[in-house]
């Protein structure tokens, strides 16, 4: 591997890769697709920096961050890794925005777990699928 190969991999990850959310019991596709930036992308690097800033802003005078605020910051960080989606509610497309992505992530822990696992999976992002 050469430097240009590493740079190309990071650029592929910046474009993101499509991920289909799976039913947690059957493993069947739910029909919800998310385009997620890879772990070596600039998007995720910026999200990590923003997470650190958010935690500093949420800290009290002694530097402590409540569990509730830490969870809020972590979910916002994960939402920043989503670049786009195909998601319907009541038969209508749900607008893509951070608030709606956070709403989806908070809908169920299995949703959060799948998105988080995919966002950190370098192999899944190889080649900008």
Protein backbone atom coordinates (compact mmCIF):
# COMPACT_ATOMS: atom_id res chain seq x y z
CA UNK A 1 0.00 0.00 0.00
CA UNK A 2 1.18 3.51 -0.79
CA UNK A 3 0.22 6.94 0.50
CA UNK A 4 -2.02 7.56 -2.52
CA UNK A 5 -3.89 4.31 -1.70
CA UNK A 6 -4.53 5.50 1.85
CA UNK A 7 -5.71 8.90 0.61
CA UNK A 8 -8.01 7.24 -1.94
CA UNK A 9 -9.53 5.06 0.80
CA UNK A 10 -10.25 8.12 2.94
CA UNK A 11 -11.82 9.91 -0.03
CA UNK A 12 -14.03 6.88 -0.71
CA UNK A 13 -15.11 6.94 2.91
CA UNK A 14 -15.93 10.64 2.64
CA UNK A 15 -18.42 9.87 -0.14
CA UNK A 16 -20.07 7.40 2.21
CA UNK A 17 -21.61 4.01 1.59
CA UNK A 18 -25.22 2.92 1.58
CA UNK A 19 -26.41 0.87 4.50
CA UNK A 20 -29.81 -0.81 4.75
CA UNK A 21 -31.25 -0.97 8.24
CA UNK A 22 -32.24 -4.57 9.05
CA UNK A 23 -35.13 -5.83 11.17
CA UNK A 24 -33.48 -6.92 14.45
CA UNK A 25 -35.48 -10.14 14.66
CA UNK A 26 -35.61 -11.38 11.06
CA UNK A 27 -32.58 -9.67 9.56
CA UNK A 28 -34.72 -8.60 6.63
CA UNK A 29 -34.26 -5.14 5.11
CA UNK A 30 -36.53 -2.49 6.62
CA UNK A 31 -36.49 -0.31 3.51
CA UNK A 32 -34.65 2.46 5.34
CA UNK A 33 -31.32 3.25 3.67
CA UNK A 34 -28.68 5.55 5.05
CA UNK A 35 -25.54 6.86 3.37
CA UNK A 36 -22.90 6.85 6.08
CA UNK A 37 -19.42 8.37 6.00
CA UNK A 38 -16.64 5.94 6.83
CA UNK A 39 -14.48 6.02 9.97
CA UNK A 40 -11.49 7.57 8.17
CA UNK A 41 -13.53 10.29 6.46
CA UNK A 42 -13.19 14.01 7.03
CA UNK A 43 -16.87 13.99 8.03
CA UNK A 44 -16.20 11.63 10.91
CA UNK A 45 -13.04 13.48 11.91
CA UNK A 46 -15.03 16.71 12.17
CA UNK A 47 -17.80 14.90 14.06
CA UNK A 48 -15.27 13.66 16.64
CA UNK A 49 -13.92 17.18 17.11
CA UNK A 50 -17.45 18.54 17.46
CA UNK A 51 -18.21 15.84 20.05
CA UNK A 52 -15.24 16.98 22.11
CA UNK A 53 -16.39 20.61 21.85
CA UNK A 54 -19.97 19.66 22.74
CA UNK A 55 -18.81 17.80 25.85
CA UNK A 56 -16.74 20.80 26.97
CA UNK A 57 -19.75 23.09 26.48
CA UNK A 58 -21.97 20.70 28.44
CA UNK A 59 -19.58 20.38 31.37
CA UNK A 60 -20.31 21.97 34.70
CA UNK A 61 -17.90 24.15 36.64
CA UNK A 62 -16.03 21.05 37.83
CA UNK A 63 -15.71 19.63 34.32
CA UNK A 64 -18.37 16.96 34.79
CA UNK A 65 -20.87 16.07 32.08
CA UNK A 66 -24.13 14.42 33.08
CA UNK A 67 -24.99 11.03 31.66
CA UNK A 68 -27.96 12.56 29.87
CA UNK A 69 -25.80 15.22 28.19
CA UNK A 70 -23.09 12.70 27.32
CA UNK A 71 -25.72 10.49 25.64
CA UNK A 72 -27.17 13.49 23.79
CA UNK A 73 -23.71 14.46 22.49
CA UNK A 74 -22.88 10.88 21.46
CA UNK A 75 -26.10 10.48 19.48
CA UNK A 76 -25.58 13.87 17.79
CA UNK A 77 -22.06 12.73 16.89
CA UNK A 78 -23.41 9.56 15.27
CA UNK A 79 -26.07 11.55 13.39
CA UNK A 80 -23.35 13.78 11.91
CA UNK A 81 -21.91 10.69 10.17
CA UNK A 82 -25.11 10.18 8.14
CA UNK A 83 -24.82 11.93 4.77
CA UNK A 84 -28.25 11.13 3.36
CA UNK A 85 -31.11 8.68 3.51
CA UNK A 86 -34.19 7.10 2.06
CA UNK A 87 -36.71 6.94 4.87
CA UNK A 88 -40.53 6.98 4.82
CA UNK A 89 -43.10 7.59 7.53
CA UNK A 90 -46.80 7.01 6.92
CA UNK A 91 -45.99 6.40 3.26
CA UNK A 92 -44.28 9.77 2.80
CA UNK A 93 -40.55 10.55 2.52
CA UNK A 94 -39.08 11.95 5.71
CA UNK A 95 -36.96 15.04 5.05
CA UNK A 96 -33.26 14.45 5.61
CA UNK A 97 -31.97 16.64 8.39
CA UNK A 98 -30.05 16.19 11.63
CA UNK A 99 -33.15 16.35 13.83
CA UNK A 100 -34.82 13.54 11.88
CA UNK A 101 -31.68 11.41 11.89
CA UNK A 102 -31.47 11.84 15.67
CA UNK A 103 -35.15 10.90 15.90
CA UNK A 104 -34.43 7.68 13.98
CA UNK A 105 -31.38 6.85 16.10
CA UNK A 106 -33.36 7.38 19.30
CA UNK A 107 -36.30 5.33 18.07
CA UNK A 108 -34.71 2.05 19.22
CA UNK A 109 -31.36 0.90 20.56
CA UNK A 110 -31.05 -1.65 17.74
CA UNK A 111 -31.22 1.18 15.19
CA UNK A 112 -28.45 3.04 16.97
CA UNK A 113 -26.35 -0.13 17.27
CA UNK A 114 -26.61 -0.94 13.55
CA UNK A 115 -25.77 2.59 12.43
CA UNK A 116 -22.87 2.82 14.88
CA UNK A 117 -21.45 -0.54 13.78
CA UNK A 118 -21.65 0.38 10.10
CA UNK A 119 -20.13 3.83 10.67
CA UNK A 120 -17.07 2.20 12.21
CA UNK A 121 -16.71 -0.62 9.65
CA UNK A 122 -13.77 0.19 7.35
CA UNK A 123 -14.35 -2.89 5.21
CA UNK A 124 -17.91 -1.82 4.43
CA UNK A 125 -16.65 1.55 3.20
CA UNK A 126 -13.88 0.24 1.01
CA UNK A 127 -14.54 1.39 -2.53
CA UNK A 128 -17.34 3.87 -1.68
CA UNK A 129 -20.14 1.32 -2.14
